[in-house]
């Protein structure tokens, strides 16, 4: 979806996001619910995309917080994953964010 800015001169689009959760296999389970460490980030191939959608544009941290609340208290009916938790990843407009014990850490070069 697109929105016009207040000055009606700029078009703003929704931010695309994906929720990634570790696969259900032995290798991925080693990383389940572990806090972020730059030297211990699981590889992308250990994750499945469990949900994708769009959200109204806002500050990145605000969007991540809204997604955390949404996927913990008010899951969409078609969401099949577990509540958003430590070791899950949110892809937001092309960047990856690791859900940590407190907040998120951007995963660089992933």
Foldseek 3Di string as FASTA:
>chain_A
DWDAPPVSPDIHDWKKKWKKDFDPDDVSVVQPQDFDDLVDQDDPVRIDGQDIDTDHDDPPQVVVVVVLCCQAPPDDPSGDDHRDHANMWMQINNWIWGHGPPGTDTRPPD
